[in-house]
Amino acid sequence: MAQTIRKAFYGSVAFSVLLGGVAAADEITYVSGIVGNAVENFKEIVKPWEEATGHTVTLVPMPSSTTDQFGQYRLWLAAGNEDIDVYQTDVIWAPQLADQFIDLTEAAADLAPQHFESIIESQTVDGRLVALPIYTDAPALYYRTDLLEKHGAEVPKTWEELTETAQMIQDAERAEGNSDLWGFVWQGNAYEGLTCNALEWVKSFGGGQIVEPDGTISIYNDQAIAAVELAASWPGTISPEGVLAYQEEEARGVWQTGNAVFMRNWPYAYTLGNSDDSAVKGKFGATTLPTGGGNDESAATLGGWNVAVSKYSQNQEAATSLVLYLAGKEAQKTRTLIASNLPTIIELYDDADIAEQQPIIPQWKDVFLQAVPRPSAPTKVKYNEVSSKFWSAVHNTLSGDGTAAENLELLELELEDLKGGGW
C-alpha cells in the first residue's frame, strides 16, 4: 500500500513520519523519573508532536531517585525489553548504557550543532551519539529575600557565611514563635543526589572532583575533609535531622511551605516556588552556590536530562522522530517556559519570550558556567560504584558514623582497589 510522508517543522528540525498503511500510527512508550509537575508538563510538551504525527506517547513514571531509575533501566535493557521505546536519561549514564541505544548521529546531524558542544560530547560514546539533550541542570542556592531583609542579612557568599546566617535567622525567628523554621534544607539521603551535593562542597573548598579527568583519585585531602566536616555540623542545627533522608522533593516541600531560609535545589523548583499555592511566592531569589574554605570558586554539579531510543524498540522510526522533536527548539522553549528547565540550545538564552516570562533563565547561565561534571567520564562503567562508595562515605560522616578524615581515607583506598580492576 502506498504511504505518504508528512513533515512538520519545529525550529530548524524536520521530522518525517510515515502515514497510511501499516505505519499509520504508533504508540510510543516513554519512561522518565517524575518530580514536581512533570506529568502535566510532559503532556503539554508532546501534544504538538502527537497532533502533527498521529502518534501517541504513553509516559511510564519512575521514582524521582535517579539511583532507583538507573537500576530499573539496566534491568529492562539487559532483558531486551521491547515495551519501552524512549528512555529519559541522566547526563552521567551515556558511557554505561551506550550499547543499549541506537546511534542518533545521522538523524541529528542538523540539530546537534545547535546545542552546547560539551553536552553533545557527553552523550557521544565511541563516536556514537546515543542520546540527545532536552534540558540541562545546575543547582542554585535559593534564599528568602523577605527574611534576609527582615534580619539585616546579606546573601551568603561562602558556606561558612551560610551556616552563620542560617543559624542567626533560624534562632531569631524561633524566638518569635516560628518554631517550624529551619535554616537550610538540601539532599542528604544516601543516593546520587548526595553525590551531587557533596561534590559541590568538596570542589568549592578546592578539594577536587573525587576522581580527576585523568583518572587520578583525589578525594582524601585536607580541603575535602574540611568541606564534609562543615556539612556534618548542619543536621540537627540549621537542618532537621531528617535531612539525612531528604531527596529533592522533601527539601522542596519544606521550602515551599515557608519553613526554610535557604535551599539547595535544581531549576525546576523555581517555577513551583512561585506557584499560587506556594507560601514563598514572590519572597525568594536564587544565586550561585557558595564557595568554601577560603577558596573563591563556586561549584554546581552538572546535571541534565537526555532522550535515547532503545535498540530493542519495535517503533524506532517514530521514537527517533519524538526524540528529535523533544531535543528541538520548539519543545525546549515550551519546557523552559512552563517548567523553568534550562535549555541546551544556546540561542534560547537570548529568546525574548523566555526573558520576559522566565527572567531567571538568562541569569542561570552564570550558574551553568560554574557547573562541574561528576567523574563519569574517567570512571566509565564503574561510575555507579564510585558514586555509591562516595555518597556512603559522606552519609556515614553526616550521620556521625566516623569522622570525615577516617571515612574519606577509607574511601580513597576502596577507589584504588576498584581502579585496580580497571575503570
Protein backbone atom coordinates (compact mmCIF):
# COMPACT_ATOMS: atom_id res chain seq x y z
CA MET A 1 0.00 0.00 0.00
CA ALA A 2 1.30 3.44 -0.85
CA GLN A 3 2.49 5.53 2.03
CA THR A 4 2.55 9.29 2.24
CA ILE A 5 5.15 11.32 4.04
CA ARG A 6 4.17 14.32 6.09
CA LYS A 7 6.76 16.67 7.54
CA ALA A 8 6.33 19.04 10.46
CA PHE A 9 8.94 21.59 11.34
CA TYR A 10 9.88 22.68 14.86
CA GLY A 11 12.61 25.30 14.85
CA SER A 12 15.08 24.10 12.27
CA VAL A 13 14.37 20.41 12.82
CA ALA A 14 12.21 18.42 10.43
CA PHE A 15 10.80 15.07 11.35
CA SER A 16 9.20 12.73 8.87
CA VAL A 17 6.52 10.25 9.76
CA LEU A 18 5.10 7.56 7.53
CA LEU A 19 1.33 7.71 7.50
CA GLY A 20 -1.09 5.27 5.96
CA GLY A 21 -0.63 1.56 5.53
CA VAL A 22 0.79 -0.34 8.47
CA ALA A 23 2.78 2.63 9.79
CA ALA A 24 -0.16 4.99 10.24
CA ALA A 25 0.16 5.46 13.98
CA ASP A 26 2.36 4.16 16.74
CA GLU A 27 2.07 4.31 20.49
CA ILE A 28 5.43 5.34 21.86
CA THR A 29 6.25 4.33 25.42
CA TYR A 30 8.45 6.87 27.20
CA VAL A 31 9.98 6.23 30.61
CA SER A 32 11.09 9.02 32.92
CA GLY A 33 11.58 9.93 36.54
CA ILE A 34 8.92 12.27 37.92
CA VAL A 35 9.33 15.35 40.09
CA GLY A 36 7.02 18.31 40.64
CA ASN A 37 4.53 18.83 37.81
CA ALA A 38 6.46 16.65 35.35
CA VAL A 39 3.46 14.59 34.20
CA GLU A 40 1.30 17.61 33.36
CA ASN A 41 4.24 19.41 31.74
CA PHE A 42 5.13 16.40 29.61
CA LYS A 43 1.61 16.15 28.23
CA GLU A 44 1.72 19.78 27.17
CA ILE A 45 5.16 19.47 25.60
CA VAL A 46 4.40 16.38 23.47
CA LYS A 47 0.91 17.43 22.38
CA PRO A 48 2.06 19.29 19.21
CA TRP A 49 4.09 16.24 18.13
CA GLU A 50 1.17 13.92 18.71
CA GLU A 51 -1.16 16.18 16.73
CA ALA A 52 1.31 16.55 13.84
CA THR A 53 2.19 12.87 13.55
CA GLY A 54 -0.91 10.99 14.64
CA HIS A 55 1.24 9.03 17.10
CA THR A 56 0.61 8.93 20.83
CA VAL A 57 3.02 8.90 23.76
CA THR A 58 2.46 6.94 26.95
CA LEU A 59 4.52 8.14 29.89
CA VAL A 60 5.77 5.47 32.27
CA PRO A 61 6.61 7.31 35.51
CA MET A 62 9.58 6.28 37.61
CA PRO A 63 10.60 7.26 41.16
CA SER A 64 12.36 10.61 41.48
CA SER A 65 15.53 8.88 42.76
CA THR A 66 17.98 8.64 39.87
CA THR A 67 19.63 5.70 41.60
CA ASP A 68 16.35 3.75 41.51
CA GLN A 69 15.73 4.79 37.92
CA PHE A 70 19.12 3.62 36.73
CA GLY A 71 18.74 0.26 38.42
CA GLN A 72 15.39 -0.36 36.73
CA TYR A 73 16.67 0.83 33.35
CA ARG A 74 19.53 -1.64 33.49
CA LEU A 75 17.15 -4.49 34.30
CA TRP A 76 14.85 -3.65 31.40
CA LEU A 77 17.67 -3.17 28.91
CA ALA A 78 19.55 -6.27 29.99
CA ALA A 79 16.36 -8.23 29.36
CA GLY A 80 15.96 -6.73 25.88
CA ASN A 81 12.62 -5.17 26.88
CA GLU A 82 10.65 -4.19 23.76
CA ASP A 83 7.94 -2.36 25.70
CA ILE A 84 9.98 0.81 26.27
CA ASP A 85 10.77 2.87 23.18
CA VAL A 86 12.36 6.02 24.62
CA TYR A 87 14.36 6.40 27.82
CA GLN A 88 14.92 9.73 29.53
CA THR A 89 18.50 9.51 30.75
CA ASP A 90 20.72 11.33 33.20
CA VAL A 91 23.75 13.13 31.78
CA ILE A 92 26.08 10.64 33.51
CA TRP A 93 24.59 7.45 32.09
CA ALA A 94 25.77 7.53 28.47
CA PRO A 95 29.04 5.56 28.98
CA GLN A 96 27.19 2.85 30.89
CA LEU A 97 24.15 2.38 28.62
CA ALA A 98 25.55 3.27 25.21
CA ASP A 99 25.40 -0.26 23.81
CA GLN A 100 21.66 -0.44 24.51
CA PHE A 101 20.69 2.65 22.44
CA ILE A 102 20.66 3.37 18.73
CA ASP A 103 23.10 5.82 17.14
CA LEU A 104 21.44 9.20 16.53
CA THR A 105 24.42 10.83 14.79
CA GLU A 106 22.92 10.87 11.30
CA ALA A 107 19.36 11.68 12.37
CA ALA A 108 20.54 14.63 14.46
CA ALA A 109 23.16 15.97 12.06
CA ASP A 110 21.41 19.35 11.75
CA LEU A 111 20.16 19.53 15.33
CA ALA A 112 23.24 18.62 17.36
CA PRO A 113 25.29 21.75 16.47
CA GLN A 114 22.56 23.95 17.99
CA HIS A 115 23.28 22.57 21.49
CA PHE A 116 26.10 23.23 23.93
CA GLU A 117 29.01 21.30 22.47
CA SER A 118 30.10 19.92 25.86
CA ILE A 119 26.69 18.31 26.40
CA ILE A 120 26.65 16.68 22.96
CA GLU A 121 30.13 15.36 23.68
CA SER A 122 28.95 13.92 26.99
CA GLN A 123 26.35 11.86 25.13
CA THR A 124 28.76 10.63 22.46
CA VAL A 125 30.44 7.30 23.19
CA ASP A 126 33.00 5.79 20.81
CA GLY A 127 31.77 8.09 18.05
CA ARG A 128 28.10 7.21 18.55
CA LEU A 129 25.62 9.88 19.64
CA VAL A 130 23.46 7.74 21.93
CA ALA A 131 21.19 10.43 23.41
CA LEU A 132 20.07 13.98 22.72
CA PRO A 133 19.70 16.64 25.44
CA ILE A 134 16.29 18.02 26.32
CA TYR A 135 17.42 20.27 29.16
CA THR A 136 20.44 20.85 31.30
CA ASP A 137 20.64 21.33 35.02
CA ALA A 138 22.81 23.12 37.51
CA PRO A 139 21.62 23.69 41.08
CA ALA A 140 21.49 27.03 42.82
CA LEU A 141 21.11 28.47 46.29
CA TYR A 142 17.53 29.57 46.92
CA TYR A 143 17.14 32.24 49.61
CA ARG A 144 14.26 34.01 51.32
CA THR A 145 14.52 37.67 50.38
CA ASP A 146 11.94 38.69 52.99
CA LEU A 147 13.73 37.01 55.89
CA LEU A 148 17.16 38.28 54.90
CA GLU A 149 15.79 41.82 54.67
CA LYS A 150 13.94 41.49 57.97
CA HIS A 151 17.07 40.42 59.82
CA GLY A 152 19.51 42.71 58.01
CA ALA A 153 21.44 39.84 56.43
CA GLU A 154 23.21 39.58 53.08
CA VAL A 155 23.08 36.66 50.67
CA PRO A 156 25.95 34.44 51.86
CA LYS A 157 28.95 34.09 49.56
CA THR A 158 30.59 31.19 51.39
CA TRP A 159 29.38 28.00 53.06
CA GLU A 160 30.70 29.33 56.34
CA GLU A 161 28.62 32.51 55.95
CA LEU A 162 25.59 30.43 55.04
CA THR A 163 26.00 28.40 58.22
CA GLU A 164 26.18 31.54 60.36
CA THR A 165 23.36 33.40 58.61
CA ALA A 166 21.05 30.38 58.63
CA GLN A 167 21.62 29.87 62.36
CA MET A 168 21.10 33.56 63.15
CA ILE A 169 17.80 33.85 61.27
CA GLN A 170 16.55 30.48 62.49
CA ASP A 171 17.24 31.41 66.12
CA ALA A 172 15.64 34.85 65.76
CA GLU A 173 12.52 33.51 64.05
CA ARG A 174 12.05 30.72 66.57
CA ALA A 175 12.36 33.25 69.38
CA GLU A 176 9.38 35.00 67.77
CA GLY A 177 7.36 31.77 67.73
CA ASN A 178 8.19 30.45 64.25
CA SER A 179 9.12 27.03 65.63
CA ASP A 180 8.96 25.15 62.31
CA LEU A 181 11.59 27.25 60.54
CA TRP A 182 14.92 25.69 59.56
CA GLY A 183 17.96 27.48 58.25
CA PHE A 184 18.94 25.24 55.35
CA VAL A 185 17.44 22.26 53.50
CA TRP A 186 19.23 20.11 50.94
CA GLN A 187 19.50 16.50 49.76
CA GLY A 188 21.15 14.31 52.40
CA ASN A 189 19.77 10.87 51.60
CA ALA A 190 22.25 8.15 50.63
CA TYR A 191 21.74 8.31 46.84
CA GLU A 192 23.05 10.06 43.74
CA GLY A 193 21.71 13.40 44.95
CA LEU A 194 24.10 13.33 47.89
CA THR A 195 26.98 12.75 45.50
CA CYS A 196 25.92 15.97 43.76
CA ASN A 197 25.65 17.97 46.99
CA ALA A 198 28.91 16.66 48.43
CA LEU A 199 30.82 17.14 45.19
CA GLU A 200 29.80 20.81 45.33
CA TRP A 201 31.08 21.18 48.89
CA VAL A 202 34.36 19.44 48.13
CA LYS A 203 35.02 21.19 44.80
CA SER A 204 34.18 24.64 46.17
CA PHE A 205 36.64 24.08 49.03
CA GLY A 206 39.35 23.28 46.48
CA GLY A 207 39.23 19.56 47.25
CA GLY A 208 38.95 18.26 43.68
CA GLN A 209 36.36 16.15 41.89
CA ILE A 210 36.66 12.75 43.65
CA VAL A 211 38.33 11.29 40.57
CA GLU A 212 40.03 13.79 38.28
CA PRO A 213 39.57 13.81 34.47
CA ASP A 214 42.89 11.97 34.04
CA GLY A 215 41.71 9.18 36.38
CA THR A 216 43.66 10.31 39.45
CA ILE A 217 41.81 9.58 42.70
CA SER A 218 41.86 12.80 44.69
CA ILE A 219 39.21 12.62 47.42
CA TYR A 220 41.44 12.22 50.51
CA ASN A 221 42.79 15.71 51.15
CA ASP A 222 42.53 18.44 53.78
CA GLN A 223 40.13 20.60 51.76
CA ALA A 224 37.69 17.75 51.14
CA ILE A 225 37.83 16.78 54.81
CA ALA A 226 37.07 20.37 55.88
CA ALA A 227 34.13 20.59 53.48
CA VAL A 228 32.48 17.39 54.68
CA GLU A 229 33.17 18.27 58.34
CA LEU A 230 31.33 21.58 57.92
CA ALA A 231 28.36 19.84 56.28
CA ALA A 232 28.30 17.30 59.13
CA SER A 233 27.61 20.19 61.53
CA TRP A 234 24.30 21.04 59.82
CA PRO A 235 21.92 18.14 60.67
CA GLY A 236 20.29 18.96 63.99
CA THR A 237 21.46 22.59 63.96
CA ILE A 238 20.47 24.56 60.84
CA SER A 239 18.97 21.50 59.12
CA PRO A 240 16.50 18.97 60.52
CA GLU A 241 17.86 15.56 61.46
CA GLY A 242 15.52 14.23 58.80
CA VAL A 243 17.58 15.92 56.08
CA LEU A 244 19.62 12.71 56.06
CA ALA A 245 16.62 11.12 54.31
CA TYR A 246 15.76 14.08 52.06
CA GLN A 247 15.79 13.98 48.29
CA GLU A 248 14.82 16.89 46.05
CA GLU A 249 11.09 16.80 46.71
CA GLU A 250 11.41 16.54 50.50
CA ALA A 251 13.66 19.61 50.55
CA ARG A 252 11.28 21.48 48.25
CA GLY A 253 8.32 20.54 50.43
CA VAL A 254 9.89 22.18 53.49
CA TRP A 255 10.97 25.20 51.46
CA GLN A 256 7.70 25.76 49.63
CA THR A 257 5.66 25.68 52.82
CA GLY A 258 7.80 28.57 54.07
CA ASN A 259 9.84 26.59 56.58
CA ALA A 260 13.40 27.20 55.38
CA VAL A 261 15.66 30.22 54.93
CA PHE A 262 17.92 28.60 52.35
CA MET A 263 17.59 25.64 49.99
CA ARG A 264 19.90 23.92 47.54
CA ASN A 265 17.91 22.62 44.59
CA TRP A 266 17.60 22.42 40.81
CA PRO A 267 15.89 24.95 38.49
CA TYR A 268 12.52 23.12 38.44
CA ALA A 269 11.88 24.33 42.00
CA TYR A 270 11.90 27.97 40.90
CA THR A 271 8.63 27.91 38.96
CA LEU A 272 6.94 25.71 41.56
CA GLY A 273 8.07 28.06 44.32
CA ASN A 274 6.26 30.88 42.57
CA SER A 275 3.03 28.96 42.02
CA ASP A 276 -0.20 30.30 43.51
CA ASP A 277 -0.29 27.69 46.28
CA SER A 278 3.27 28.37 47.40
CA ALA A 279 3.90 30.07 50.74
CA VAL A 280 7.10 31.63 49.36
CA LYS A 281 5.70 33.04 46.13
CA GLY A 282 7.45 36.33 45.39
CA LYS A 283 9.59 36.04 48.52
CA PHE A 284 12.75 34.38 47.26
CA GLY A 285 15.64 34.60 44.88
CA ALA A 286 18.27 32.22 43.51
CA THR A 287 22.00 32.61 43.08
CA THR A 288 25.18 30.61 42.59
CA LEU A 289 26.10 28.15 45.31
CA PRO A 290 28.58 29.37 47.93
CA THR A 291 32.33 28.99 47.89
CA GLY A 292 34.22 27.48 50.81
CA GLY A 293 37.39 27.18 52.83
CA GLY A 294 38.85 30.47 51.65
CA ASN A 295 38.52 29.34 48.05
CA ASP A 296 36.76 31.69 45.61
CA GLU A 297 35.39 29.01 43.30
CA SER A 298 31.71 28.14 43.35
CA ALA A 299 30.74 24.70 42.12
CA ALA A 300 27.40 23.42 40.85
CA THR A 301 27.06 19.81 39.77
CA LEU A 302 26.33 19.49 36.07
CA GLY A 303 23.03 17.75 35.67
CA GLY A 304 20.60 17.45 32.85
CA TRP A 305 18.40 15.01 31.03
CA ASN A 306 18.53 13.44 27.63
CA VAL A 307 16.43 11.15 25.45
CA ALA A 308 17.58 7.90 23.88
CA VAL A 309 15.92 5.32 21.65
CA SER A 310 16.14 1.71 22.79
CA LYS A 311 17.72 -0.65 20.27
CA TYR A 312 15.03 -3.14 21.28
CA SER A 313 12.18 -0.80 20.31
CA GLN A 314 9.86 -2.03 17.59
CA ASN A 315 8.97 1.60 16.78
CA GLN A 316 12.40 3.10 16.18
CA GLU A 317 11.37 5.43 13.37
CA ALA A 318 8.57 7.10 15.35
CA ALA A 319 10.66 7.01 18.53
CA THR A 320 13.50 8.81 16.75
CA SER A 321 11.03 11.39 15.47
CA LEU A 322 9.87 12.02 19.05
CA VAL A 323 13.44 12.30 20.34
CA LEU A 324 14.34 14.85 17.64
CA TYR A 325 11.26 16.87 18.50
CA LEU A 326 11.91 16.85 22.26
CA ALA A 327 15.51 17.94 21.72
CA GLY A 328 14.47 20.65 19.27
CA LYS A 329 13.92 24.36 19.75
CA GLU A 330 10.11 24.32 19.98
CA ALA A 331 9.88 21.67 22.71
CA GLN A 332 12.83 23.09 24.65
CA LYS A 333 11.27 26.54 24.61
CA THR A 334 7.94 25.19 25.85
CA ARG A 335 9.68 23.23 28.60
CA THR A 336 11.62 26.32 29.66
CA LEU A 337 8.51 28.49 29.80
CA ILE A 338 6.34 26.08 31.79
CA ALA A 339 8.93 24.34 33.98
CA SER A 340 11.92 26.73 34.15
CA ASN A 341 14.21 23.97 32.89
CA LEU A 342 17.47 25.21 31.41
CA PRO A 343 17.62 24.80 27.62
CA THR A 344 20.62 23.22 25.93
CA ILE A 345 20.00 25.10 22.67
CA ILE A 346 22.25 28.13 23.01
CA GLU A 347 20.09 30.69 21.21
CA LEU A 348 17.20 30.18 23.66
CA TYR A 349 19.16 32.05 26.34
CA ASP A 350 18.57 35.16 24.24
CA ASP A 351 14.91 34.41 23.48
CA ALA A 352 12.66 37.41 24.26
CA ASP A 353 9.69 35.32 25.42
CA ILE A 354 11.83 33.36 27.84
CA ALA A 355 13.46 36.51 29.17
CA GLU A 356 10.04 38.05 29.79
CA GLN A 357 8.24 35.05 31.30
CA GLN A 358 11.21 33.34 32.98
CA PRO A 359 13.69 36.12 33.76
CA ILE A 360 15.67 33.76 35.98
CA ILE A 361 16.74 31.67 32.96
CA PRO A 362 19.24 34.18 31.47
CA GLN A 363 20.60 34.67 35.00
CA TRP A 364 21.02 30.93 35.42
CA LYS A 365 23.61 31.00 32.67
CA ASP A 366 26.07 32.19 35.33
CA VAL A 367 25.20 29.15 37.46
CA PHE A 368 25.66 26.87 34.48
CA LEU A 369 29.08 28.33 33.74
CA GLN A 370 30.19 27.16 37.21
CA ALA A 371 29.00 23.60 36.58
CA VAL A 372 31.34 20.76 37.45
CA PRO A 373 30.85 17.29 35.95
CA ARG A 374 30.64 14.18 38.05
CA PRO A 375 33.51 11.78 37.32
CA SER A 376 31.53 9.53 34.99
CA ALA A 377 33.87 10.06 32.04
CA PRO A 378 37.09 8.85 33.71
CA THR A 379 35.42 6.02 35.64
CA LYS A 380 33.19 4.88 32.74
CA VAL A 381 31.19 1.74 33.56
CA LYS A 382 32.41 1.86 37.17
CA TYR A 383 30.89 5.27 37.84
CA ASN A 384 27.88 3.97 39.75
CA GLU A 385 30.14 2.03 42.11
CA VAL A 386 32.36 5.08 42.58
CA SER A 387 29.38 7.30 43.30
CA SER A 388 27.83 4.78 45.70
CA LYS A 389 31.05 4.49 47.68
CA PHE A 390 31.37 8.29 47.78
CA TRP A 391 27.84 9.02 48.96
CA SER A 392 28.08 6.22 51.53
CA ALA A 393 31.28 7.67 52.99
CA VAL A 394 29.73 11.13 53.16
CA HIS A 395 26.44 9.86 54.59
CA ASN A 396 28.30 7.95 57.28
CA THR A 397 30.08 11.17 58.24
CA LEU A 398 26.88 13.21 58.26
CA SER A 399 25.27 10.55 60.46
CA GLY A 400 28.12 10.61 62.99
CA ASP A 401 29.48 7.23 61.95
CA GLY A 402 33.18 8.07 61.76
CA THR A 403 34.96 11.33 61.02
CA ALA A 404 35.39 12.89 57.61
CA ALA A 405 39.10 12.10 57.69
CA GLU A 406 38.51 8.45 58.56
CA ASN A 407 35.76 7.93 56.01
CA LEU A 408 37.47 9.72 53.13
CA GLU A 409 40.74 7.87 53.75
CA LEU A 410 38.87 4.57 53.62
CA LEU A 411 37.03 5.75 50.51
CA GLU A 412 40.27 6.50 48.71
CA LEU A 413 41.56 3.02 49.47
CA GLU A 414 38.33 1.47 48.19
CA LEU A 415 38.52 3.51 45.00
CA GLU A 416 42.12 2.47 44.45
CA ASP A 417 41.03 -1.17 44.70
CA LEU A 418 38.18 -0.52 42.27
CA LYS A 419 40.51 1.23 39.84
CA GLY A 420 42.93 -1.68 40.08
CA GLY A 421 40.38 -3.80 38.31
CA GLY A 422 40.20 -1.25 35.51
CA TRP A 423 37.76 1.62 35.10
